[in-house]
Amino acid sequence: MNDILEGMFSAFHLIISLDKDLLEIILLSLKVTLSAVLIASLIAMPFGAWLAVSRFRFRRMTIAILNALMGLPPVVVGLIVYILLSRSGPLGVLNLLFTPTAMIIAQVIIITPLIASISHQAIRDLWAEYHDLLISLNASKTQRIFTLIKDGKRSLLTASLAGFGRAIGEVGAIMIVGGNVDQLTRTLTTAIALETGKGDFAFALALGFILIALAILVNLAIHSISKTERASTW
């Protein structure tokens, strides 16, 4: 109990004092996670919509594989990305290992199946509602996809939020490919792991409370945006 109270006090003190190291860690965490969510959303949402409106031979198998990839172990992703980006790997010439870019790549791989699966479910329900209308208008497949994405943006925002929630709390993959380098690749989750290993539980708890606060703030912001969009359509 004392460690929790001390952690809360430490978190409050760090925030009030605008600790430079803490701000760097927070900004890097947000930069990596938001970049990964944006890239993954641009890939996953059109793919999920395409799955909803398309009919092909191995469609059900593709959906089943996509759903299975939602539980992809982050450490395995981190290991694969590490091998690809290492000096002896096929992409080693890019010198991306132990950089924020490598961390973004790992997070994109982790959250893309999650966002795509949720997007597919949301667009599939919308497609059932709009199917006859879009067919009667002789809309192309591309037009159908963009129409469904536009009209289902609130549901797709939830998909992105789910991706953000998984990415912001991820530690295994980014620890492997980022290396937890101070002032370069140290995020909130890797810093928590480091401080816990050092036995500094109060500071680790402080970082944990800040991580939770960030997640709540992002959720509230997106909820506010969604509420504003609904009000504007009434």
Protein backbone atom coordinates (compact mmCIF):
# COMPACT_ATOMS: atom_id res chain seq x y z
CA MET A 1 0.00 0.00 0.00
CA ASN A 2 2.87 2.37 0.81
CA ASP A 3 4.44 1.68 -2.59
CA ILE A 4 1.16 2.57 -4.32
CA LEU A 5 0.81 5.82 -2.37
CA GLU A 6 4.45 6.66 -3.01
CA GLY A 7 3.97 5.88 -6.70
CA MET A 8 0.97 8.19 -6.90
CA PHE A 9 2.91 10.95 -5.17
CA SER A 10 5.89 10.43 -7.48
CA ALA A 11 3.63 10.56 -10.55
CA PHE A 12 2.03 13.78 -9.36
CA HIS A 13 5.42 15.32 -8.60
CA LEU A 14 6.88 14.30 -11.98
CA ILE A 15 3.93 15.77 -13.86
CA ILE A 16 3.82 19.01 -11.87
CA SER A 17 7.58 19.52 -12.19
CA LEU A 18 7.44 18.79 -15.95
CA ASP A 19 10.33 16.36 -15.64
CA LYS A 20 12.31 16.50 -18.91
CA ASP A 21 13.09 12.79 -19.09
CA LEU A 22 9.47 11.90 -18.37
CA LEU A 23 8.18 14.26 -21.07
CA GLU A 24 10.59 12.71 -23.59
CA ILE A 25 9.34 9.24 -22.72
CA ILE A 26 5.67 10.29 -22.98
CA LEU A 27 6.16 12.08 -26.30
CA LEU A 28 8.06 9.14 -27.78
CA SER A 29 5.39 6.71 -26.58
CA LEU A 30 2.66 8.79 -28.21
CA LYS A 31 4.69 9.33 -31.38
CA VAL A 32 5.34 5.60 -31.86
CA THR A 33 1.85 4.46 -30.94
CA LEU A 34 -0.11 7.09 -32.88
CA SER A 35 2.09 6.58 -35.95
CA ALA A 36 1.53 2.83 -35.77
CA VAL A 37 -2.24 3.26 -35.34
CA LEU A 38 -2.44 5.65 -38.30
CA ILE A 39 -0.45 3.37 -40.62
CA ALA A 40 -2.28 0.24 -39.46
CA SER A 41 -5.68 1.93 -39.89
CA LEU A 42 -4.84 3.00 -43.46
CA ILE A 43 -4.01 -0.63 -44.24
CA ALA A 44 -6.57 -2.47 -42.14
CA MET A 45 -9.77 -0.49 -42.72
CA PRO A 46 -9.83 -0.75 -46.53
CA PHE A 47 -8.83 -4.41 -46.25
CA GLY A 48 -11.62 -5.11 -43.76
CA ALA A 49 -14.12 -3.32 -45.98
CA TRP A 50 -12.87 -5.22 -49.05
CA LEU A 51 -13.37 -8.52 -47.20
CA ALA A 52 -16.93 -7.48 -46.34
CA VAL A 53 -18.00 -6.67 -49.91
CA SER A 54 -15.96 -9.33 -51.77
CA ARG A 55 -16.74 -12.94 -52.49
CA PHE A 56 -13.91 -15.29 -53.41
CA ARG A 57 -12.95 -18.90 -52.97
CA PHE A 58 -10.86 -18.73 -49.79
CA ARG A 59 -12.73 -15.84 -48.16
CA ARG A 60 -13.77 -17.73 -45.02
CA MET A 61 -10.26 -19.09 -44.56
CA THR A 62 -8.86 -15.58 -44.96
CA ILE A 63 -11.24 -14.25 -42.30
CA ALA A 64 -10.37 -17.14 -39.97
CA ILE A 65 -6.65 -16.47 -40.38
CA LEU A 66 -7.21 -12.76 -39.82
CA ASN A 67 -9.10 -13.44 -36.60
CA ALA A 68 -6.35 -15.83 -35.46
CA LEU A 69 -3.70 -13.18 -36.07
CA MET A 70 -5.47 -10.91 -33.57
CA GLY A 71 -3.76 -12.98 -30.88
CA LEU A 72 -0.33 -12.79 -32.50
CA PRO A 73 2.29 -12.96 -29.69
CA PRO A 74 4.14 -9.60 -29.59
CA VAL A 75 7.47 -11.21 -28.67
CA VAL A 76 7.29 -13.39 -31.79
CA VAL A 77 6.61 -10.30 -33.91
CA GLY A 78 9.51 -8.56 -32.23
CA LEU A 79 11.81 -11.51 -32.93
CA ILE A 80 10.82 -11.65 -36.62
CA VAL A 81 11.27 -7.89 -37.08
CA TYR A 82 14.60 -8.09 -35.25
CA ILE A 83 15.85 -10.80 -37.61
CA LEU A 84 14.70 -8.87 -40.67
CA LEU A 85 16.32 -5.61 -39.52
CA SER A 86 19.52 -7.04 -38.03
CA ARG A 87 22.83 -6.53 -39.83
CA SER A 88 22.70 -10.05 -41.23
CA GLY A 89 19.02 -9.77 -42.16
CA PRO A 90 17.56 -8.85 -45.56
CA LEU A 91 16.72 -5.30 -44.40
CA GLY A 92 19.83 -4.73 -42.32
CA VAL A 93 21.19 -2.23 -44.84
CA LEU A 94 18.47 0.21 -43.75
CA ASN A 95 19.95 0.47 -40.23
CA LEU A 96 16.52 0.63 -38.62
CA LEU A 97 17.15 -1.69 -35.67
CA PHE A 98 17.00 0.04 -32.26
CA THR A 99 15.19 3.06 -33.69
CA PRO A 100 11.62 4.36 -33.23
CA THR A 101 10.92 3.29 -36.83
CA ALA A 102 11.59 -0.35 -35.94
CA MET A 103 9.19 -0.01 -33.00
CA ILE A 104 6.50 1.45 -35.27
CA ILE A 105 6.94 -1.43 -37.74
CA ALA A 106 6.51 -4.00 -34.97
CA GLN A 107 3.41 -2.29 -33.59
CA VAL A 108 1.86 -1.98 -37.07
CA ILE A 109 2.24 -5.75 -37.56
CA ILE A 110 0.69 -6.43 -34.15
CA ILE A 111 -2.37 -4.18 -34.40
CA THR A 112 -3.23 -4.39 -38.12
CA PRO A 113 -5.07 -7.75 -37.79
CA LEU A 114 -7.01 -6.41 -34.78
CA ILE A 115 -8.15 -3.24 -36.57
CA ALA A 116 -8.89 -5.16 -39.78
CA SER A 117 -11.02 -7.76 -37.97
CA ILE A 118 -13.09 -5.19 -36.07
CA SER A 119 -13.43 -3.10 -39.27
CA HIS A 120 -14.61 -6.15 -41.19
CA GLN A 121 -17.30 -6.92 -38.64
CA ALA A 122 -18.52 -3.32 -38.59
CA ILE A 123 -18.53 -2.95 -42.39
CA ARG A 124 -20.16 -6.36 -42.86
CA ASP A 125 -23.20 -5.24 -40.86
CA LEU A 126 -23.30 -1.96 -42.77
CA TRP A 127 -22.96 -3.79 -46.10
CA ALA A 128 -26.00 -5.92 -45.28
CA GLU A 129 -27.97 -2.68 -44.81
CA TYR A 130 -26.63 -0.84 -47.88
CA HIS A 131 -26.23 -3.82 -50.23
CA ASP A 132 -29.36 -3.35 -52.33
CA LEU A 133 -28.94 0.42 -52.58
CA LEU A 134 -25.33 0.30 -53.73
CA ILE A 135 -26.04 -2.50 -56.18
CA SER A 136 -28.98 -0.58 -57.65
CA LEU A 137 -26.74 2.48 -58.09
CA ASN A 138 -24.27 0.28 -59.98
CA ALA A 139 -21.47 1.40 -57.67
CA SER A 140 -18.04 -0.08 -58.31
CA LYS A 141 -16.30 -2.11 -55.62
CA THR A 142 -14.03 0.83 -54.81
CA GLN A 143 -17.02 3.15 -54.48
CA ARG A 144 -18.77 0.65 -52.23
CA ILE A 145 -15.73 0.39 -49.98
CA PHE A 146 -15.25 4.14 -49.61
CA THR A 147 -18.99 4.69 -49.04
CA LEU A 148 -19.11 2.08 -46.31
CA ILE A 149 -15.95 3.42 -44.66
CA LYS A 150 -17.35 6.95 -44.71
CA ASP A 151 -20.71 5.96 -43.23
CA GLY A 152 -19.17 3.60 -40.69
CA LYS A 153 -16.51 6.01 -39.43
CA ARG A 154 -17.70 5.89 -35.81
CA SER A 155 -17.41 2.11 -35.70
CA LEU A 156 -14.04 2.31 -37.43
CA LEU A 157 -12.92 4.88 -34.87
CA THR A 158 -13.61 2.24 -32.24
CA ALA A 159 -11.40 -0.17 -34.20
CA SER A 160 -8.57 2.36 -34.19
CA LEU A 161 -9.09 2.92 -30.47
CA ALA A 162 -8.79 -0.82 -29.85
CA GLY A 163 -5.54 -0.78 -31.82
CA PHE A 164 -4.27 2.17 -29.78
CA GLY A 165 -5.13 0.39 -26.53
CA ARG A 166 -3.14 -2.66 -27.54
CA ALA A 167 -0.20 -0.69 -28.93
CA ILE A 168 0.24 1.77 -26.04
CA GLY A 169 0.55 -1.07 -23.53
CA GLU A 170 2.80 -3.30 -25.64
CA VAL A 171 6.26 -4.00 -24.27
CA GLY A 172 7.67 -7.29 -25.61
CA ALA A 173 8.13 -6.45 -29.29
CA ILE A 174 9.33 -2.88 -28.83
CA MET A 175 11.76 -3.97 -26.15
CA ILE A 176 13.33 -6.40 -28.62
CA VAL A 177 13.50 -4.14 -31.67
CA GLY A 178 13.95 -0.84 -29.81
CA GLY A 179 16.45 -1.94 -27.21
CA ASN A 180 15.08 0.47 -24.56
CA VAL A 181 17.83 2.99 -25.33
CA ASP A 182 17.68 6.04 -23.07
CA GLN A 183 16.51 9.21 -24.89
CA LEU A 184 16.07 7.26 -28.12
CA THR A 185 13.74 4.27 -27.85
CA ARG A 186 12.59 4.29 -24.22
CA THR A 187 8.80 4.34 -23.91
CA LEU A 188 6.52 4.22 -20.89
CA THR A 189 6.14 0.44 -20.98
CA THR A 190 9.85 -0.31 -21.45
CA ALA A 191 10.73 2.24 -18.76
CA ILE A 192 8.30 0.52 -16.38
CA ALA A 193 9.97 -2.83 -17.09
CA LEU A 194 13.40 -1.28 -16.50
CA GLU A 195 12.47 0.43 -13.23
CA THR A 196 10.74 -2.69 -11.94
CA GLY A 197 13.89 -4.71 -12.68
CA LYS A 198 15.94 -2.12 -10.77
CA GLY A 199 13.57 -2.40 -7.81
CA ASP A 200 12.36 1.20 -8.07
CA PHE A 201 8.70 0.28 -7.66
CA ALA A 202 7.56 3.79 -6.78
CA PHE A 203 8.87 5.27 -10.03
CA ALA A 204 7.57 2.27 -11.99
CA LEU A 205 4.12 2.84 -10.47
CA ALA A 206 4.35 6.52 -11.28
CA LEU A 207 5.00 5.67 -14.93
CA GLY A 208 2.16 3.15 -14.81
CA PHE A 209 -0.32 5.72 -13.51
CA ILE A 210 0.75 8.12 -16.25
CA LEU A 211 0.27 5.38 -18.87
CA ILE A 212 -3.24 4.70 -17.58
CA ALA A 213 -4.01 8.42 -17.55
CA LEU A 214 -2.88 8.76 -21.18
CA ALA A 215 -5.09 5.86 -22.24
CA ILE A 216 -8.08 7.39 -20.44
CA LEU A 217 -7.46 10.83 -21.98
CA VAL A 218 -7.31 9.38 -25.49
CA ASN A 219 -10.51 7.44 -24.87
CA LEU A 220 -12.26 10.57 -23.61
CA ALA A 221 -11.02 12.59 -26.59
CA ILE A 222 -12.30 10.05 -29.09
CA HIS A 223 -15.60 9.74 -27.20
CA SER A 224 -15.94 13.52 -27.35
CA ILE A 225 -15.24 13.53 -31.09
CA SER A 226 -17.79 10.77 -31.69
CA LYS A 227 -20.38 12.63 -29.60
CA THR A 228 -19.74 15.82 -31.59
CA GLU A 229 -20.15 13.95 -34.88
CA ARG A 230 -23.43 12.44 -33.74
CA ALA A 231 -24.74 15.82 -32.62
CA SER A 232 -23.83 17.37 -35.97
CA THR A 233 -25.88 14.76 -37.83
CA TRP A 234 -29.05 15.29 -35.81
